[in-house]
Amino acid sequence: MQGRWSQINNVQICYDANVHMRFKAIIILLIILLSLIPAYSINKYLLKILRPRESLGRLLLYLLSSMLLVFIYTFLLVLVIKWIFPNA
């Protein structure tokens, strides 16, 4: 077993770095999956408000707002993950 060994109260414990990285990866994936719920709701709201099927102008406005949503949401998601895991 690879890892760093430590002795606490005369008991040797191995801190496996792979297990720690797996937990970190699972938590990051859960954050991403949970963040999809509000993004989906915002997209549905944009579809309801902008009604892109009615005209070309509304379609272009919807595409622009969707791209802006993706960029802002990605920025915020990376920011939250970096706050939670500063060494990630």
Protein backbone atom coordinates (compact mmCIF):
# COMPACT_ATOMS: atom_id res chain seq x y z
CA MET A 1 0.00 0.00 0.00
CA GLN A 2 1.42 3.35 -1.01
CA GLY A 3 0.97 6.43 1.06
CA ARG A 4 2.33 8.37 3.96
CA TRP A 5 2.63 6.63 7.28
CA SER A 6 1.95 8.34 10.59
CA GLN A 7 1.95 7.15 14.15
CA ILE A 8 -0.83 8.33 16.43
CA ASN A 9 -1.17 6.87 19.94
CA ASN A 10 1.25 4.09 19.04
CA VAL A 11 -0.92 3.02 16.09
CA GLN A 12 0.45 3.31 12.58
CA ILE A 13 -1.96 4.76 10.04
CA CYS A 14 -1.39 5.02 6.29
CA TYR A 15 -2.76 8.14 4.63
CA ASP A 16 -3.41 7.03 1.09
CA ALA A 17 -3.17 9.95 -1.32
CA ASN A 18 -5.26 8.13 -3.94
CA VAL A 19 -8.25 7.84 -1.61
CA HIS A 20 -8.05 11.55 -0.83
CA MET A 21 -7.93 12.41 -4.54
CA ARG A 22 -10.91 10.14 -5.27
CA PHE A 23 -13.01 11.84 -2.59
CA LYS A 24 -12.02 15.24 -3.96
CA ALA A 25 -12.97 14.17 -7.49
CA ILE A 26 -16.32 12.79 -6.31
CA ILE A 27 -17.13 16.01 -4.44
CA ILE A 28 -16.21 18.12 -7.48
CA LEU A 29 -18.45 15.97 -9.69
CA LEU A 30 -21.32 16.33 -7.21
CA ILE A 31 -20.88 20.11 -7.21
CA ILE A 32 -21.00 20.14 -11.01
CA LEU A 33 -24.07 17.89 -11.14
CA LEU A 34 -25.90 19.93 -8.50
CA SER A 35 -25.09 23.14 -10.33
CA LEU A 36 -26.82 21.82 -13.44
CA ILE A 37 -30.22 22.07 -11.73
CA PRO A 38 -30.27 25.89 -11.48
CA ALA A 39 -28.68 26.22 -14.93
CA TYR A 40 -31.48 24.11 -16.43
CA SER A 41 -34.08 26.23 -14.63
CA ILE A 42 -32.52 29.47 -15.87
CA ASN A 43 -32.46 28.12 -19.42
CA LYS A 44 -36.13 27.14 -19.22
CA TYR A 45 -36.90 30.64 -17.92
CA LEU A 46 -34.98 32.20 -20.84
CA LEU A 47 -36.92 30.05 -23.31
CA LYS A 48 -40.21 31.11 -21.72
CA ILE A 49 -39.34 34.83 -21.65
CA LEU A 50 -37.49 35.24 -24.97
CA ARG A 51 -39.56 32.80 -27.11
CA PRO A 52 -36.79 32.24 -29.71
CA ARG A 53 -39.08 30.43 -32.21
CA GLU A 54 -41.03 33.57 -33.00
CA SER A 55 -38.40 35.54 -34.92
CA LEU A 56 -34.77 35.63 -35.93
CA GLY A 57 -34.06 38.57 -33.62
CA ARG A 58 -35.42 36.69 -30.61
CA LEU A 59 -33.39 33.62 -31.60
CA LEU A 60 -30.18 35.67 -31.76
CA LEU A 61 -30.99 37.28 -28.40
CA TYR A 62 -31.58 33.82 -26.91
CA LEU A 63 -28.29 32.51 -28.34
CA LEU A 64 -26.41 35.53 -26.99
CA SER A 65 -27.98 35.21 -23.55
CA SER A 66 -27.32 31.45 -23.50
CA MET A 67 -23.65 31.98 -24.31
CA LEU A 68 -23.42 34.64 -21.62
CA LEU A 69 -25.08 32.25 -19.16
CA VAL A 70 -22.55 29.52 -20.00
CA PHE A 71 -19.57 31.83 -19.53
CA ILE A 72 -20.82 33.31 -16.25
CA TYR A 73 -21.89 29.93 -14.89
CA THR A 74 -18.54 28.35 -15.79
CA PHE A 75 -16.67 31.23 -14.11
CA LEU A 76 -18.75 30.91 -10.94
CA LEU A 77 -18.43 27.12 -10.86
CA VAL A 78 -14.63 27.25 -11.17
CA LEU A 79 -14.52 29.99 -8.52
CA VAL A 80 -16.57 27.89 -6.06
CA ILE A 81 -14.42 24.80 -6.66
CA LYS A 82 -11.24 26.82 -6.15
CA TRP A 83 -12.66 28.24 -2.90
CA ILE A 84 -13.49 24.78 -1.61
CA PHE A 85 -10.27 23.15 -2.84
CA PRO A 86 -7.54 25.80 -3.02
CA ASN A 87 -4.89 23.25 -4.04
CA ALA A 88 -6.97 21.60 -6.78
